[in-house]
């Protein structure tokens, strides 16, 4: 259990105080810089639609790469 939840259950925080703390915590996280992983080249099967456009045939093939990085 988080320290914030413990304080709430112990009656040290009201509902309003809990909501304010949660919103402030989320807002703080969004202001912090986001660390991105380096780009990764992934082979996928595609269908070309002209010179510049293409469609990935199986989105799972593309999305699987993200699951394997963690």
PDB file of N, CA and C in Angstrom:
ATOM      1  N   UNK A   1       0.839  -1.174   0.000  1.00  0.00           N
ATOM      2  CA  UNK A   1       0.000   0.000   0.000  1.00  0.00           C
ATOM      3  C   UNK A   1       0.890   1.246   0.000  1.00  0.00           C
ATOM      4  N   UNK A   2       0.478   2.264  -0.743  1.00  0.00           N
ATOM      5  CA  UNK A   2       1.280   3.484  -0.840  1.00  0.00           C
ATOM      6  C   UNK A   2       1.139   4.314   0.436  1.00  0.00           C
ATOM      7  N   UNK A   3       2.125   5.166   0.721  1.00  0.00           N
ATOM      8  CA  UNK A   3       2.016   6.031   1.904  1.00  0.00           C
ATOM      9  C   UNK A   3       0.756   6.912   1.878  1.00  0.00           C
ATOM     10  N   UNK A   4       0.367   7.341   0.690  1.00  0.00           N
ATOM     11  CA  UNK A   4      -0.827   8.173   0.563  1.00  0.00           C
ATOM     12  C   UNK A   4      -2.077   7.375   0.941  1.00  0.00           C
ATOM     13  N   UNK A   5      -2.162   6.139   0.471  1.00  0.00           N
ATOM     14  CA  UNK A   5      -3.302   5.282   0.815  1.00  0.00           C
ATOM     15  C   UNK A   5      -3.322   4.968   2.305  1.00  0.00           C
ATOM     16  N   UNK A   6      -2.160   4.774   2.874  1.00  0.00           N
ATOM     17  CA  UNK A   6      -2.080   4.500   4.318  1.00  0.00           C
ATOM     18  C   UNK A   6      -2.585   5.686   5.125  1.00  0.00           C
ATOM     19  N   UNK A   7      -2.192   6.903   4.720  1.00  0.00           N
ATOM     20  CA  UNK A   7      -2.665   8.109   5.417  1.00  0.00           C
ATOM     21  C   UNK A   7      -4.177   8.249   5.296  1.00  0.00           C
ATOM     22  N   UNK A   8      -4.697   7.937   4.116  1.00  0.00           N
ATOM     23  CA  UNK A   8      -6.137   8.051   3.896  1.00  0.00           C
ATOM     24  C   UNK A   8      -6.893   7.049   4.762  1.00  0.00           C
ATOM     25  N   UNK A   9      -6.418   5.811   4.786  1.00  0.00           N
ATOM     26  CA  UNK A   9      -7.093   4.781   5.588  1.00  0.00           C
ATOM     27  C   UNK A   9      -6.990   5.048   7.076  1.00  0.00           C
ATOM     28  N   UNK A  10      -5.919   5.715   7.487  1.00  0.00           N
ATOM     29  CA  UNK A  10      -5.754   6.050   8.898  1.00  0.00           C
ATOM     30  C   UNK A  10      -6.575   7.277   9.284  1.00  0.00           C
ATOM     31  N   UNK A  11      -7.231   7.886   8.303  1.00  0.00           N
ATOM     32  CA  UNK A  11      -8.056   9.064   8.595  1.00  0.00           C
ATOM     33  C   UNK A  11      -7.272  10.362   8.663  1.00  0.00           C
ATOM     34  N   UNK A  12      -6.020  10.335   8.225  1.00  0.00           N
ATOM     35  CA  UNK A  12      -5.193  11.541   8.260  1.00  0.00           C
ATOM     36  C   UNK A  12      -5.481  12.470   7.097  1.00  0.00           C
ATOM     37  N   UNK A  13      -6.151  11.971   6.037  1.00  0.00           N
ATOM     38  CA  UNK A  13      -6.494  12.780   4.867  1.00  0.00           C
ATOM     39  C   UNK A  13      -7.988  12.676   4.599  1.00  0.00           C
ATOM     40  N   UNK A  14      -8.597  13.802   4.240  1.00  0.00           N
ATOM     41  CA  UNK A  14      -9.998  13.779   3.822  1.00  0.00           C
ATOM     42  C   UNK A  14     -10.063  13.346   2.359  1.00  0.00           C
ATOM     43  N   UNK A  15     -11.269  13.105   1.864  1.00  0.00           N
ATOM     44  CA  UNK A  15     -11.429  12.762   0.449  1.00  0.00           C
ATOM     45  C   UNK A  15     -10.860  13.866  -0.439  1.00  0.00           C
ATOM     46  N   UNK A  16     -11.159  15.101  -0.092  1.00  0.00           N
ATOM     47  CA  UNK A  16     -10.684  16.242  -0.890  1.00  0.00           C
ATOM     48  C   UNK A  16      -9.157  16.328  -0.879  1.00  0.00           C
ATOM     49  N   UNK A  17      -8.563  16.114   0.276  1.00  0.00           N
ATOM     50  CA  UNK A  17      -7.099  16.147   0.369  1.00  0.00           C
ATOM     51  C   UNK A  17      -6.473  15.020  -0.449  1.00  0.00           C
ATOM     52  N   UNK A  18      -7.082  13.840  -0.399  1.00  0.00           N
ATOM     53  CA  UNK A  18      -6.575  12.708  -1.166  1.00  0.00           C
ATOM     54  C   UNK A  18      -6.622  13.012  -2.658  1.00  0.00           C
ATOM     55  N   UNK A  19      -7.749  13.516  -3.139  1.00  0.00           N
ATOM     56  CA  UNK A  19      -7.887  13.846  -4.552  1.00  0.00           C
ATOM     57  C   UNK A  19      -6.862  14.904  -4.948  1.00  0.00           C
ATOM     58  N   UNK A  20      -6.682  15.927  -4.128  1.00  0.00           N
ATOM     59  CA  UNK A  20      -5.688  16.969  -4.427  1.00  0.00           C
ATOM     60  C   UNK A  20      -4.280  16.400  -4.502  1.00  0.00           C
ATOM     61  N   UNK A  21      -3.938  15.519  -3.581  1.00  0.00           N
ATOM     62  CA  UNK A  21      -2.611  14.901  -3.590  1.00  0.00           C
ATOM     63  C   UNK A  21      -2.410  14.052  -4.845  1.00  0.00           C
ATOM     64  N   UNK A  22      -3.444  13.292  -5.215  1.00  0.00           N
ATOM     65  CA  UNK A  22      -3.340  12.452  -6.410  1.00  0.00           C
ATOM     66  C   UNK A  22      -3.178  13.300  -7.664  1.00  0.00           C
ATOM     67  N   UNK A  23      -3.964  14.369  -7.788  1.00  0.00           N
ATOM     68  CA  UNK A  23      -3.869  15.248  -8.954  1.00  0.00           C
ATOM     69  C   UNK A  23      -2.507  15.935  -8.996  1.00  0.00           C
ATOM     70  N   UNK A  24      -2.024  16.398  -7.865  1.00  0.00           N
ATOM     71  CA  UNK A  24      -0.705  17.045  -7.827  1.00  0.00           C
ATOM     72  C   UNK A  24       0.399  16.058  -8.206  1.00  0.00           C
ATOM     73  N   UNK A  25       0.274  14.823  -7.767  1.00  0.00           N
ATOM     74  CA  UNK A  25       1.275  13.812  -8.116  1.00  0.00           C
ATOM     75  C   UNK A  25       1.299  13.518  -9.611  1.00  0.00           C
ATOM     76  N   UNK A  26       0.127  13.407 -10.205  1.00  0.00           N
ATOM     77  CA  UNK A  26       0.052  13.157 -11.647  1.00  0.00           C
ATOM     78  C   UNK A  26       0.589  14.354 -12.417  1.00  0.00           C
ATOM     79  N   UNK A  27       0.197  15.563 -12.004  1.00  0.00           N
ATOM     80  CA  UNK A  27       0.673  16.767 -12.689  1.00  0.00           C
ATOM     81  C   UNK A  27       2.198  16.871 -12.616  1.00  0.00           C
ATOM     82  N   UNK A  28       2.772  16.520 -11.482  1.00  0.00           N
ATOM     83  CA  UNK A  28       4.233  16.572 -11.324  1.00  0.00           C
ATOM     84  C   UNK A  28       4.909  15.590 -12.279  1.00  0.00           C
ATOM     85  N   UNK A  29       4.338  14.392 -12.403  1.00  0.00           N
ATOM     86  CA  UNK A  29       4.930  13.399 -13.299  1.00  0.00           C
ATOM     87  C   UNK A  29       4.887  13.847 -14.753  1.00  0.00           C
ATOM     88  N   UNK A  30       3.815  14.548 -15.147  1.00  0.00           N
ATOM     89  CA  UNK A  30       3.700  15.012 -16.530  1.00  0.00           C
ATOM     90  C   UNK A  30       4.657  16.160 -16.830  1.00  0.00           C
ATOM     91  N   UNK A  31       5.069  16.893 -15.828  1.00  0.00           N
ATOM     92  CA  UNK A  31       6.020  17.991 -16.045  1.00  0.00           C
ATOM     93  C   UNK A  31       7.454  17.493 -16.167  1.00  0.00           C
ATOM     94  N   UNK A  32       7.721  16.319 -15.632  1.00  0.00           N
ATOM     95  CA  UNK A  32       9.080  15.773 -15.676  1.00  0.00           C
ATOM     96  C   UNK A  32       9.412  15.306 -17.090  1.00  0.00           C
ATOM     97  N   UNK A  33      10.688  15.336 -17.469  1.00  0.00           N
ATOM     98  CA  UNK A  33      11.067  14.854 -18.800  1.00  0.00           C
ATOM     99  C   UNK A  33      10.790  13.358 -18.946  1.00  0.00           C
ATOM    100  N   UNK A  34      10.439  12.953 -20.141  1.00  0.00           N
ATOM    101  CA  UNK A  34      10.164  11.556 -20.438  1.00  0.00           C
ATOM    102  C   UNK A  34      11.398  10.950 -21.095  1.00  0.00           C
ATOM    103  N   UNK A  35      11.874   9.860 -20.532  1.00  0.00           N
ATOM    104  CA  UNK A  35      13.047   9.194 -21.098  1.00  0.00           C
ATOM    105  C   UNK A  35      12.575   8.195 -22.152  1.00  0.00           C
ATOM    106  N   UNK A  36      13.039   8.370 -23.367  1.00  0.00           N
ATOM    107  CA  UNK A  36      12.654   7.484 -24.462  1.00  0.00           C
ATOM    108  C   UNK A  36      13.763   6.470 -24.732  1.00  0.00           C
ATOM    109  N   UNK A  37      13.354   5.264 -25.071  1.00  0.00           N
ATOM    110  CA  UNK A  37      14.321   4.250 -25.473  1.00  0.00           C
ATOM    111  C   UNK A  37      14.805   4.565 -26.883  1.00  0.00           C
ATOM    112  N   UNK A  38      15.991   4.112 -27.250  1.00  0.00           N
ATOM    113  CA  UNK A  38      16.460   4.354 -28.608  1.00  0.00           C
ATOM    114  C   UNK A  38      15.549   3.679 -29.630  1.00  0.00           C
ATOM    115  N   UNK A  39      15.492   4.259 -30.817  1.00  0.00           N
ATOM    116  CA  UNK A  39      14.679   3.687 -31.895  1.00  0.00           C
ATOM    117  C   UNK A  39      15.211   2.313 -32.266  1.00  0.00           C
ATOM    118  N   UNK A  40      14.322   1.463 -32.743  1.00  0.00           N
ATOM    119  CA  UNK A  40      14.701   0.103 -33.097  1.00  0.00           C
ATOM    120  C   UNK A  40      14.136  -0.208 -34.480  1.00  0.00           C
ATOM    121  N   UNK A  41      14.938  -0.804 -35.327  1.00  0.00           N
ATOM    122  CA  UNK A  41      14.489  -1.219 -36.651  1.00  0.00           C
ATOM    123  C   UNK A  41      13.896  -2.611 -36.547  1.00  0.00           C
ATOM    124  N   UNK A  42      12.713  -2.767 -37.129  1.00  0.00           N
ATOM    125  CA  UNK A  42      12.001  -4.031 -37.022  1.00  0.00           C
ATOM    126  C   UNK A  42      11.551  -4.486 -38.402  1.00  0.00           C
ATOM    127  N   UNK A  43      11.834  -5.726 -38.777  1.00  0.00           N
ATOM    128  CA  UNK A  43      11.327  -6.214 -40.064  1.00  0.00           C
ATOM    129  C   UNK A  43       9.849  -6.582 -39.937  1.00  0.00           C
ATOM    130  N   UNK A  44       9.017  -6.041 -40.822  1.00  0.00           N
ATOM    131  CA  UNK A  44       7.592  -6.372 -40.857  1.00  0.00           C
ATOM    132  C   UNK A  44       7.169  -6.540 -42.309  1.00  0.00           C
ATOM    133  N   UNK A  45       6.098  -7.270 -42.533  1.00  0.00           N
ATOM    134  CA  UNK A  45       5.553  -7.444 -43.875  1.00  0.00           C
ATOM    135  C   UNK A  45       4.615  -6.286 -44.182  1.00  0.00           C
ATOM    136  N   UNK A  46       4.779  -5.683 -45.367  1.00  0.00           N
ATOM    137  CA  UNK A  46       3.966  -4.533 -45.740  1.00  0.00           C
ATOM    138  C   UNK A  46       3.433  -4.685 -47.159  1.00  0.00           C
ATOM    139  N   UNK A  47       2.400  -3.896 -47.450  1.00  0.00           N
ATOM    140  CA  UNK A  47       1.883  -3.763 -48.809  1.00  0.00           C
ATOM    141  C   UNK A  47       2.116  -2.320 -49.207  1.00  0.00           C
ATOM    142  N   UNK A  48       2.787  -2.099 -50.323  1.00  0.00           N
ATOM    143  CA  UNK A  48       3.067  -0.737 -50.773  1.00  0.00           C
ATOM    144  C   UNK A  48       1.868  -0.176 -51.518  1.00  0.00           C
ATOM    145  N   UNK A  49       1.530   1.065 -51.204  1.00  0.00           N
ATOM    146  CA  UNK A  49       0.474   1.808 -51.881  1.00  0.00           C
ATOM    147  C   UNK A  49       1.118   3.027 -52.537  1.00  0.00           C
ATOM    148  N   UNK A  50       1.733   2.827 -53.674  1.00  0.00           N
ATOM    149  CA  UNK A  50       2.456   3.917 -54.324  1.00  0.00           C
ATOM    150  C   UNK A  50       3.896   3.943 -53.860  1.00  0.00           C
ATOM    151  N   UNK A  51       4.576   5.066 -54.146  1.00  0.00           N
ATOM    152  CA  UNK A  51       5.998   5.169 -53.809  1.00  0.00           C
ATOM    153  C   UNK A  51       6.254   5.433 -52.335  1.00  0.00           C
ATOM    154  N   UNK A  52       5.399   6.233 -51.701  1.00  0.00           N
ATOM    155  CA  UNK A  52       5.689   6.678 -50.343  1.00  0.00           C
ATOM    156  C   UNK A  52       4.801   6.047 -49.276  1.00  0.00           C
ATOM    157  N   UNK A  53       3.704   5.444 -49.646  1.00  0.00           N
ATOM    158  CA  UNK A  53       2.765   4.917 -48.661  1.00  0.00           C
ATOM    159  C   UNK A  53       2.838   3.397 -48.587  1.00  0.00           C
ATOM    160  N   UNK A  54       2.557   2.885 -47.394  1.00  0.00           N
ATOM    161  CA  UNK A  54       2.519   1.442 -47.200  1.00  0.00           C
ATOM    162  C   UNK A  54       1.609   1.120 -46.023  1.00  0.00           C
ATOM    163  N   UNK A  55       1.199  -0.117 -45.925  1.00  0.00           N
ATOM    164  CA  UNK A  55       0.388  -0.605 -44.813  1.00  0.00           C
ATOM    165  C   UNK A  55       1.075  -1.815 -44.204  1.00  0.00           C
ATOM    166  N   UNK A  56       1.141  -1.833 -42.885  1.00  0.00           N
ATOM    167  CA  UNK A  56       1.678  -3.003 -42.195  1.00  0.00           C
ATOM    168  C   UNK A  56       0.573  -4.050 -42.195  1.00  0.00           C
ATOM    169  N   UNK A  57       0.879  -5.227 -42.705  1.00  0.00           N
ATOM    170  CA  UNK A  57      -0.155  -6.260 -42.835  1.00  0.00           C
ATOM    171  C   UNK A  57      -0.663  -6.751 -41.486  1.00  0.00           C
ATOM    172  N   UNK A  58       0.235  -7.018 -40.581  1.00  0.00           N
ATOM    173  CA  UNK A  58      -0.172  -7.538 -39.276  1.00  0.00           C
ATOM    174  C   UNK A  58       0.318  -6.581 -38.193  1.00  0.00           C
ATOM    175  N   UNK A  59      -0.605  -5.868 -37.572  1.00  0.00           N
ATOM    176  CA  UNK A  59      -0.217  -4.931 -36.513  1.00  0.00           C
ATOM    177  C   UNK A  59       0.474  -5.666 -35.365  1.00  0.00           C
ATOM    178  N   UNK A  60       0.094  -6.917 -35.125  1.00  0.00           N
ATOM    179  CA  UNK A  60       0.730  -7.682 -34.051  1.00  0.00           C
ATOM    180  C   UNK A  60       2.228  -7.813 -34.277  1.00  0.00           C
ATOM    181  N   UNK A  61       2.617  -7.950 -35.519  1.00  0.00           N
ATOM    182  CA  UNK A  61       4.026  -8.070 -35.876  1.00  0.00           C
ATOM    183  C   UNK A  61       4.782  -6.806 -35.439  1.00  0.00           C
ATOM    184  N   UNK A  62       4.167  -5.673 -35.654  1.00  0.00           N
ATOM    185  CA  UNK A  62       4.757  -4.381 -35.290  1.00  0.00           C
ATOM    186  C   UNK A  62       4.732  -4.186 -33.777  1.00  0.00           C
ATOM    187  N   UNK A  63       3.600  -4.475 -33.142  1.00  0.00           N
ATOM    188  CA  UNK A  63       3.442  -4.244 -31.709  1.00  0.00           C
ATOM    189  C   UNK A  63       4.260  -5.203 -30.860  1.00  0.00           C
ATOM    190  N   UNK A  64       4.536  -6.378 -31.365  1.00  0.00           N
ATOM    191  CA  UNK A  64       5.321  -7.361 -30.622  1.00  0.00           C
ATOM    192  C   UNK A  64       6.691  -6.810 -30.250  1.00  0.00           C
ATOM    193  N   UNK A  65       7.226  -5.947 -31.097  1.00  0.00           N
ATOM    194  CA  UNK A  65       8.528  -5.345 -30.829  1.00  0.00           C
ATOM    195  C   UNK A  65       8.529  -4.567 -29.525  1.00  0.00           C
ATOM    196  N   UNK A  66       7.448  -3.852 -29.237  1.00  0.00           N
ATOM    197  CA  UNK A  66       7.374  -3.062 -28.009  1.00  0.00           C
ATOM    198  C   UNK A  66       7.332  -3.968 -26.792  1.00  0.00           C
ATOM    199  N   UNK A  67       6.641  -5.065 -26.889  1.00  0.00           N
ATOM    200  CA  UNK A  67       6.559  -6.003 -25.764  1.00  0.00           C
ATOM    201  C   UNK A  67       7.911  -6.659 -25.501  1.00  0.00           C
ATOM    202  N   UNK A  68       8.700  -6.879 -26.528  1.00  0.00           N
ATOM    203  CA  UNK A  68       9.988  -7.545 -26.375  1.00  0.00           C
ATOM    204  C   UNK A  68      11.052  -6.624 -25.805  1.00  0.00           C
ATOM    205  N   UNK A  69      10.842  -5.296 -25.886  1.00  0.00           N
ATOM    206  CA  UNK A  69      11.851  -4.363 -25.391  1.00  0.00           C
ATOM    207  C   UNK A  69      11.872  -4.280 -23.878  1.00  0.00           C
ATOM    208  N   UNK A  70      10.768  -4.610 -23.227  1.00  0.00           N
ATOM    209  CA  UNK A  70      10.727  -4.438 -21.765  1.00  0.00           C
ATOM    210  C   UNK A  70      11.334  -5.582 -21.022  1.00  0.00           C
TER     211      UNK A  70
END
